[in-house]
Amino acid sequence: GCRLLKAKYKNVRFPSKMGDRFSSPNFKHAIGTIAYIYRGSSIDRYADENGETYICPNEYDIPSKELYDIPDSQLDLLFSKKIISTIVENKKNYKEAIELFTYHCWENKSNSKYIITTLTKGINDEEWNGLTPWFLVLSPLISLEDTFLDFRVNLVLEKILLSVQKYKKFPKYTKGIISNIFDLYHSIDHVQEWMDQNHERWEWIEQWLKNHDLHIKGFGVSLDNDDDDDD
């Protein structure tokens, strides 16, 4: 029976949910399940005020009569820097990662600082051709319209501008960062407002673009010149 099946389907490659020797692991279903459980958990649902406990609303929670309990040890593992990097770099988990991180950061300054610091560290350490996944996950976090929106916008832009200035001698990396920064500028009003108000902190970018024969049209950036090579 097995030989007949192999003969019949010998030219067919069946996809593996978790990857195989031809492709990297796909954690989409696993991360999606974890995000669903976490958004229906009791984590960060409760707070104390004047000695009374109340439920904190979360824009991204999943209503449930019975909230899941997640041990702290498992939560620490889930949000370890290694796991976060693996999720982002896998490039197949954007939707699931965003669901997980937005819930974790909503109305939580400490969680927001940790996740953003981890993601911007990933951007800082990434190669020029691997920047996009980090920004795809980071962008929705900057857009969260809660109490800490301005805090997140300021933290993200400060850290990214530090990275691009530190590595500006590497043209491909710098072009990639600038392109993503201006994508944020055009798509997120609070980013545009911050950059307009803090122009002196990134005005060197305009001269850098001119020096490398790149152009700014208004605040849009055209990065079609690929002649520069990294040192």
C-alpha atoms as a PDB file:
ATOM      1  CA  GLY A   1       0.000   0.000   0.000  1.00  0.00           C
ATOM      2  CA  CYS A   2       2.753   2.454   0.934  1.00  0.00           C
ATOM      3  CA  ARG A   3       4.639   1.682  -2.300  1.00  0.00           C
ATOM      4  CA  LEU A   4       1.512   2.337  -4.369  1.00  0.00           C
ATOM      5  CA  LEU A   5       0.956   5.679  -2.613  1.00  0.00           C
ATOM      6  CA  LYS A   6       4.591   6.675  -3.114  1.00  0.00           C
ATOM      7  CA  ALA A   7       4.417   5.769  -6.789  1.00  0.00           C
ATOM      8  CA  LYS A   8       1.159   7.672  -7.286  1.00  0.00           C
ATOM      9  CA  TYR A   9       2.376  10.829  -5.528  1.00  0.00           C
ATOM     10  CA  LYS A  10       6.105  10.602  -6.283  1.00  0.00           C
ATOM     11  CA  ASN A  11       6.147  14.026  -7.962  1.00  0.00           C
ATOM     12  CA  VAL A  12       4.049  15.740  -5.308  1.00  0.00           C
ATOM     13  CA  ARG A  13       5.628  17.684  -2.439  1.00  0.00           C
ATOM     14  CA  PHE A  14       3.252  18.033   0.468  1.00  0.00           C
ATOM     15  CA  PRO A  15       3.728  21.224   2.529  1.00  0.00           C
ATOM     16  CA  SER A  16       4.819  20.806   6.115  1.00  0.00           C
ATOM     17  CA  LYS A  17       3.093  23.011   8.671  1.00  0.00           C
ATOM     18  CA  MET A  18       6.274  23.406  10.688  1.00  0.00           C
ATOM     19  CA  GLY A  19       8.705  23.424   7.779  1.00  0.00           C
ATOM     20  CA  ASP A  20      11.043  20.833   6.359  1.00  0.00           C
ATOM     21  CA  ARG A  21      14.537  20.611   4.882  1.00  0.00           C
ATOM     22  CA  PHE A  22      13.356  22.772   1.969  1.00  0.00           C
ATOM     23  CA  SER A  23      11.904  25.624   4.040  1.00  0.00           C
ATOM     24  CA  SER A  24      12.210  27.341   7.402  1.00  0.00           C
ATOM     25  CA  PRO A  25       9.711  26.421  10.152  1.00  0.00           C
ATOM     26  CA  ASN A  26       6.286  28.027   9.897  1.00  0.00           C
ATOM     27  CA  PHE A  27       5.103  28.992  13.369  1.00  0.00           C
ATOM     28  CA  LYS A  28       1.979  30.755  12.100  1.00  0.00           C
ATOM     29  CA  HIS A  29      -0.551  28.323  13.556  1.00  0.00           C
ATOM     30  CA  ALA A  30       1.330  27.939  16.834  1.00  0.00           C
ATOM     31  CA  ILE A  31       1.761  31.681  17.335  1.00  0.00           C
ATOM     32  CA  GLY A  32      -1.857  32.276  16.348  1.00  0.00           C
ATOM     33  CA  THR A  33      -3.050  29.788  18.969  1.00  0.00           C
ATOM     34  CA  ILE A  34      -0.797  31.287  21.634  1.00  0.00           C
ATOM     35  CA  ALA A  35      -1.987  34.813  20.782  1.00  0.00           C
ATOM     36  CA  TYR A  36      -5.612  33.665  21.038  1.00  0.00           C
ATOM     37  CA  ILE A  37      -5.051  32.048  24.444  1.00  0.00           C
ATOM     38  CA  TYR A  38      -3.105  35.053  25.727  1.00  0.00           C
ATOM     39  CA  ARG A  39      -5.790  37.518  24.598  1.00  0.00           C
ATOM     40  CA  GLY A  40      -8.335  35.427  26.485  1.00  0.00           C
ATOM     41  CA  SER A  41      -6.213  35.150  29.631  1.00  0.00           C
ATOM     42  CA  SER A  42      -6.354  36.902  32.989  1.00  0.00           C
ATOM     43  CA  ILE A  43      -2.952  38.549  32.396  1.00  0.00           C
ATOM     44  CA  ASP A  44      -3.089  42.339  32.879  1.00  0.00           C
ATOM     45  CA  ARG A  45      -6.885  42.206  33.168  1.00  0.00           C
ATOM     46  CA  TYR A  46      -6.972  43.306  36.777  1.00  0.00           C
ATOM     47  CA  ALA A  47      -5.760  46.428  38.565  1.00  0.00           C
ATOM     48  CA  ASP A  48      -6.134  47.920  42.022  1.00  0.00           C
ATOM     49  CA  GLU A  49      -7.413  51.390  42.752  1.00  0.00           C
ATOM     50  CA  ASN A  50      -8.216  52.605  46.250  1.00  0.00           C
ATOM     51  CA  GLY A  51      -8.138  49.051  47.503  1.00  0.00           C
ATOM     52  CA  GLU A  52     -10.686  47.831  44.963  1.00  0.00           C
ATOM     53  CA  THR A  53      -9.968  45.388  42.150  1.00  0.00           C
ATOM     54  CA  TYR A  54     -11.457  46.042  38.743  1.00  0.00           C
ATOM     55  CA  ILE A  55     -11.094  44.650  35.235  1.00  0.00           C
ATOM     56  CA  CYS A  56      -8.953  46.712  32.870  1.00  0.00           C
ATOM     57  CA  PRO A  57     -10.468  46.927  29.380  1.00  0.00           C
ATOM     58  CA  ASN A  58      -8.161  45.898  26.570  1.00  0.00           C
ATOM     59  CA  GLU A  59      -8.961  46.911  23.008  1.00  0.00           C
ATOM     60  CA  TYR A  60      -7.543  43.625  21.743  1.00  0.00           C
ATOM     61  CA  ASP A  61      -8.861  41.099  24.236  1.00  0.00           C
ATOM     62  CA  ILE A  62     -11.084  38.138  23.424  1.00  0.00           C
ATOM     63  CA  PRO A  63     -14.221  38.176  25.587  1.00  0.00           C
ATOM     64  CA  SER A  64     -14.424  35.039  27.666  1.00  0.00           C
ATOM     65  CA  LYS A  65     -16.486  33.981  30.670  1.00  0.00           C
ATOM     66  CA  GLU A  66     -13.574  31.901  31.930  1.00  0.00           C
ATOM     67  CA  LEU A  67     -10.182  33.558  31.603  1.00  0.00           C
ATOM     68  CA  TYR A  68      -7.152  31.380  31.016  1.00  0.00           C
ATOM     69  CA  ASP A  69      -4.395  31.317  33.630  1.00  0.00           C
ATOM     70  CA  ILE A  70      -0.875  31.476  32.192  1.00  0.00           C
ATOM     71  CA  PRO A  71       2.029  30.743  34.570  1.00  0.00           C
ATOM     72  CA  ASP A  72       4.633  33.509  34.839  1.00  0.00           C
ATOM     73  CA  SER A  73       7.376  31.110  33.729  1.00  0.00           C
ATOM     74  CA  GLN A  74       5.570  30.458  30.427  1.00  0.00           C
ATOM     75  CA  LEU A  75       4.888  34.153  29.951  1.00  0.00           C
ATOM     76  CA  ASP A  76       8.561  34.979  30.493  1.00  0.00           C
ATOM     77  CA  LEU A  77       9.499  32.384  27.882  1.00  0.00           C
ATOM     78  CA  LEU A  78       6.934  33.645  25.377  1.00  0.00           C
ATOM     79  CA  PHE A  79       8.262  37.209  25.558  1.00  0.00           C
ATOM     80  CA  SER A  80      11.939  36.355  25.807  1.00  0.00           C
ATOM     81  CA  LYS A  81      14.152  38.261  23.378  1.00  0.00           C
ATOM     82  CA  LYS A  82      15.069  35.016  21.618  1.00  0.00           C
ATOM     83  CA  ILE A  83      11.443  34.037  20.995  1.00  0.00           C
ATOM     84  CA  ILE A  84      10.498  37.539  19.820  1.00  0.00           C
ATOM     85  CA  SER A  85      13.397  37.532  17.350  1.00  0.00           C
ATOM     86  CA  THR A  86      12.444  34.078  16.087  1.00  0.00           C
ATOM     87  CA  ILE A  87       8.819  35.138  15.568  1.00  0.00           C
ATOM     88  CA  VAL A  88       9.746  38.289  13.633  1.00  0.00           C
ATOM     89  CA  GLU A  89      12.577  36.835  11.573  1.00  0.00           C
ATOM     90  CA  ASN A  90      10.451  33.887  10.470  1.00  0.00           C
ATOM     91  CA  LYS A  91       8.636  36.308   8.112  1.00  0.00           C
ATOM     92  CA  LYS A  92       5.428  34.254   8.153  1.00  0.00           C
ATOM     93  CA  ASN A  93       3.920  35.379  11.428  1.00  0.00           C
ATOM     94  CA  TYR A  94       3.136  39.093  10.944  1.00  0.00           C
ATOM     95  CA  LYS A  95      -0.583  38.966  11.698  1.00  0.00           C
ATOM     96  CA  GLU A  96      -0.165  36.629  14.657  1.00  0.00           C
ATOM     97  CA  ALA A  97       2.808  38.543  16.078  1.00  0.00           C
ATOM     98  CA  ILE A  98       0.938  41.845  15.802  1.00  0.00           C
ATOM     99  CA  GLU A  99      -2.079  40.392  17.624  1.00  0.00           C
ATOM    100  CA  LEU A 100       0.198  39.149  20.391  1.00  0.00           C
ATOM    101  CA  PHE A 101       2.251  42.331  20.819  1.00  0.00           C
ATOM    102  CA  THR A 102      -0.602  44.836  20.533  1.00  0.00           C
ATOM    103  CA  TYR A 103      -2.521  43.061  23.264  1.00  0.00           C
ATOM    104  CA  HIS A 104       0.602  42.928  25.418  1.00  0.00           C
ATOM    105  CA  CYS A 105       1.350  46.644  24.978  1.00  0.00           C
ATOM    106  CA  TRP A 106      -2.145  48.122  25.205  1.00  0.00           C
ATOM    107  CA  GLU A 107      -2.303  50.598  28.118  1.00  0.00           C
ATOM    108  CA  ASN A 108       0.901  49.122  29.538  1.00  0.00           C
ATOM    109  CA  LYS A 109       3.968  51.362  29.577  1.00  0.00           C
ATOM    110  CA  SER A 110       6.342  48.722  30.920  1.00  0.00           C
ATOM    111  CA  ASN A 111       5.359  46.123  28.311  1.00  0.00           C
ATOM    112  CA  SER A 112       5.482  48.748  25.568  1.00  0.00           C
ATOM    113  CA  LYS A 113       9.006  49.770  26.528  1.00  0.00           C
ATOM    114  CA  TYR A 114      10.205  46.163  26.630  1.00  0.00           C
ATOM    115  CA  ILE A 115       8.684  45.129  23.279  1.00  0.00           C
ATOM    116  CA  ILE A 116       9.776  48.296  21.470  1.00  0.00           C
ATOM    117  CA  THR A 117      13.289  48.103  22.917  1.00  0.00           C
ATOM    118  CA  THR A 118      13.529  44.486  21.751  1.00  0.00           C
ATOM    119  CA  LEU A 119      12.222  45.245  18.258  1.00  0.00           C
ATOM    120  CA  THR A 120      14.421  48.311  17.742  1.00  0.00           C
ATOM    121  CA  LYS A 121      17.419  46.317  18.986  1.00  0.00           C
ATOM    122  CA  GLY A 122      16.542  43.801  16.272  1.00  0.00           C
ATOM    123  CA  ILE A 123      16.533  46.612  13.709  1.00  0.00           C
ATOM    124  CA  ASN A 124      19.876  47.845  15.018  1.00  0.00           C
ATOM    125  CA  ASP A 125      21.444  44.379  14.680  1.00  0.00           C
ATOM    126  CA  GLU A 126      19.771  43.386  11.389  1.00  0.00           C
ATOM    127  CA  GLU A 127      21.356  43.348   7.931  1.00  0.00           C
ATOM    128  CA  TRP A 128      20.111  45.889   5.363  1.00  0.00           C
ATOM    129  CA  ASN A 129      18.024  43.313   3.504  1.00  0.00           C
ATOM    130  CA  GLY A 130      16.288  42.003   6.624  1.00  0.00           C
ATOM    131  CA  LEU A 131      14.784  45.222   8.000  1.00  0.00           C
ATOM    132  CA  THR A 132      11.249  44.975   6.586  1.00  0.00           C
ATOM    133  CA  PRO A 133       9.847  42.282   8.951  1.00  0.00           C
ATOM    134  CA  TRP A 134      10.831  44.309  12.011  1.00  0.00           C
ATOM    135  CA  PHE A 135       9.076  47.429  10.739  1.00  0.00           C
ATOM    136  CA  LEU A 136       5.972  45.495   9.701  1.00  0.00           C
ATOM    137  CA  VAL A 137       5.557  44.323  13.288  1.00  0.00           C
ATOM    138  CA  LEU A 138       6.643  47.620  14.842  1.00  0.00           C
ATOM    139  CA  SER A 139       4.330  49.893  12.834  1.00  0.00           C
ATOM    140  CA  PRO A 140       1.007  48.781  14.405  1.00  0.00           C
ATOM    141  CA  LEU A 141       2.477  49.220  17.891  1.00  0.00           C
ATOM    142  CA  ILE A 142       3.240  52.871  17.162  1.00  0.00           C
ATOM    143  CA  SER A 143      -0.363  53.311  16.009  1.00  0.00           C
ATOM    144  CA  LEU A 144      -1.965  52.092  19.245  1.00  0.00           C
ATOM    145  CA  GLU A 145      -4.201  54.957  20.345  1.00  0.00           C
ATOM    146  CA  ASP A 146      -4.097  54.624  24.092  1.00  0.00           C
ATOM    147  CA  THR A 147      -2.586  56.570  26.993  1.00  0.00           C
ATOM    148  CA  PHE A 148       0.979  55.727  25.952  1.00  0.00           C
ATOM    149  CA  LEU A 149       0.785  56.503  22.229  1.00  0.00           C
ATOM    150  CA  ASP A 150       3.149  59.497  22.445  1.00  0.00           C
ATOM    151  CA  PHE A 151       5.522  57.537  24.663  1.00  0.00           C
ATOM    152  CA  ARG A 152       5.815  54.760  22.090  1.00  0.00           C
ATOM    153  CA  VAL A 153       6.238  57.123  19.131  1.00  0.00           C
ATOM    154  CA  ASN A 154       9.003  59.019  20.912  1.00  0.00           C
ATOM    155  CA  LEU A 155      10.774  55.842  22.039  1.00  0.00           C
ATOM    156  CA  VAL A 156      10.663  54.219  18.587  1.00  0.00           C
ATOM    157  CA  LEU A 157      11.915  57.236  16.662  1.00  0.00           C
ATOM    158  CA  GLU A 158      14.652  58.074  19.149  1.00  0.00           C
ATOM    159  CA  LYS A 159      16.049  54.543  19.023  1.00  0.00           C
ATOM    160  CA  ILE A 160      15.779  54.156  15.241  1.00  0.00           C
ATOM    161  CA  LEU A 161      17.413  57.528  14.580  1.00  0.00           C
ATOM    162  CA  LEU A 162      20.274  56.555  16.885  1.00  0.00           C
ATOM    163  CA  SER A 163      20.789  53.368  14.882  1.00  0.00           C
ATOM    164  CA  VAL A 164      20.718  55.043  11.487  1.00  0.00           C
ATOM    165  CA  GLN A 165      23.140  57.731  12.617  1.00  0.00           C
ATOM    166  CA  LYS A 166      25.482  55.158  14.121  1.00  0.00           C
ATOM    167  CA  TYR A 167      25.640  53.146  10.902  1.00  0.00           C
ATOM    168  CA  LYS A 168      25.328  55.936   8.324  1.00  0.00           C
ATOM    169  CA  LYS A 169      28.646  54.924   6.752  1.00  0.00           C
ATOM    170  CA  PHE A 170      26.851  51.812   5.474  1.00  0.00           C
ATOM    171  CA  PRO A 171      24.702  53.129   2.585  1.00  0.00           C
ATOM    172  CA  LYS A 172      22.441  50.120   2.038  1.00  0.00           C
ATOM    173  CA  TYR A 173      21.507  49.851   5.708  1.00  0.00           C
ATOM    174  CA  THR A 174      20.976  53.618   5.960  1.00  0.00           C
ATOM    175  CA  LYS A 175      18.778  53.683   2.841  1.00  0.00           C
ATOM    176  CA  GLY A 176      16.686  50.849   4.228  1.00  0.00           C
ATOM    177  CA  ILE A 177      16.143  52.594   7.549  1.00  0.00           C
ATOM    178  CA  ILE A 178      15.337  55.952   5.924  1.00  0.00           C
ATOM    179  CA  SER A 179      12.849  54.304   3.565  1.00  0.00           C
ATOM    180  CA  ASN A 180      11.040  52.658   6.465  1.00  0.00           C
ATOM    181  CA  ILE A 181      11.099  55.832   8.572  1.00  0.00           C
ATOM    182  CA  PHE A 182       9.386  57.787   5.816  1.00  0.00           C
ATOM    183  CA  ASP A 183       6.872  54.995   5.298  1.00  0.00           C
ATOM    184  CA  LEU A 184       5.955  55.517   8.955  1.00  0.00           C
ATOM    185  CA  TYR A 185       5.922  59.272   8.380  1.00  0.00           C
ATOM    186  CA  HIS A 186       3.366  58.992   5.591  1.00  0.00           C
ATOM    187  CA  SER A 187       1.142  56.393   7.265  1.00  0.00           C
ATOM    188  CA  ILE A 188       1.025  57.474  10.922  1.00  0.00           C
ATOM    189  CA  ASP A 189      -0.039  61.006  11.838  1.00  0.00           C
ATOM    190  CA  HIS A 190       1.713  61.008  15.216  1.00  0.00           C
ATOM    191  CA  VAL A 191       5.011  60.016  13.570  1.00  0.00           C
ATOM    192  CA  GLN A 192       4.636  62.855  11.080  1.00  0.00           C
ATOM    193  CA  GLU A 193       3.898  65.281  13.900  1.00  0.00           C
ATOM    194  CA  TRP A 194       6.938  64.124  15.913  1.00  0.00           C
ATOM    195  CA  MET A 195       9.278  64.398  12.933  1.00  0.00           C
ATOM    196  CA  ASP A 196       7.972  67.827  11.956  1.00  0.00           C
ATOM    197  CA  GLN A 197       8.499  69.058  15.501  1.00  0.00           C
ATOM    198  CA  ASN A 198      11.957  67.473  15.808  1.00  0.00           C
ATOM    199  CA  HIS A 199      13.354  68.215  12.372  1.00  0.00           C
ATOM    200  CA  GLU A 200      16.733  69.251  13.767  1.00  0.00           C
ATOM    201  CA  ARG A 201      17.268  65.709  15.041  1.00  0.00           C
ATOM    202  CA  TRP A 202      17.180  64.163  11.576  1.00  0.00           C
ATOM    203  CA  GLU A 203      17.953  67.034   9.199  1.00  0.00           C
ATOM    204  CA  TRP A 204      21.378  65.462   8.516  1.00  0.00           C
ATOM    205  CA  ILE A 205      19.465  62.788   6.587  1.00  0.00           C
ATOM    206  CA  GLU A 206      18.592  65.329   3.894  1.00  0.00           C
ATOM    207  CA  GLN A 207      22.275  66.074   3.300  1.00  0.00           C
ATOM    208  CA  TRP A 208      23.118  62.374   3.412  1.00  0.00           C
ATOM    209  CA  LEU A 209      20.568  61.696   0.672  1.00  0.00           C
ATOM    210  CA  LYS A 210      22.008  64.482  -1.480  1.00  0.00           C
ATOM    211  CA  ASN A 211      25.530  63.155  -0.986  1.00  0.00           C
ATOM    212  CA  HIS A 212      24.408  59.735  -2.188  1.00  0.00           C
ATOM    213  CA  ASP A 213      22.414  61.116  -5.116  1.00  0.00           C
ATOM    214  CA  LEU A 214      19.041  60.303  -3.576  1.00  0.00           C
ATOM    215  CA  HIS A 215      16.158  62.739  -3.460  1.00  0.00           C
ATOM    216  CA  ILE A 216      13.444  63.979  -1.125  1.00  0.00           C
ATOM    217  CA  LYS A 217      10.215  65.203  -2.716  1.00  0.00           C
ATOM    218  CA  GLY A 218       8.491  67.074   0.054  1.00  0.00           C
ATOM    219  CA  PHE A 219       8.822  64.514   2.787  1.00  0.00           C
ATOM    220  CA  GLY A 220       8.706  61.556   0.406  1.00  0.00           C
ATOM    221  CA  VAL A 221      11.926  59.717  -0.283  1.00  0.00           C
ATOM    222  CA  SER A 222      12.861  58.050  -3.543  1.00  0.00           C
ATOM    223  CA  LEU A 223      15.353  55.269  -2.912  1.00  0.00           C
ATOM    224  CA  ASP A 224      15.756  53.877  -6.407  1.00  0.00           C
ATOM    225  CA  ASN A 225      19.542  54.290  -6.559  1.00  0.00           C
ATOM    226  CA  ASP A 226      21.190  50.954  -5.742  1.00  0.00           C
ATOM    227  CA  ASP A 227      24.704  51.846  -6.865  1.00  0.00           C
ATOM    228  CA  ASP A 228      26.102  52.299  -3.354  1.00  0.00           C
ATOM    229  CA  ASP A 229      27.710  49.306  -1.685  1.00  0.00           C
ATOM    230  CA  ASP A 230      28.270  48.797   2.014  1.00  0.00           C
ATOM    231  CA  ASP A 231      31.820  49.056   3.316  1.00  0.00           C
END
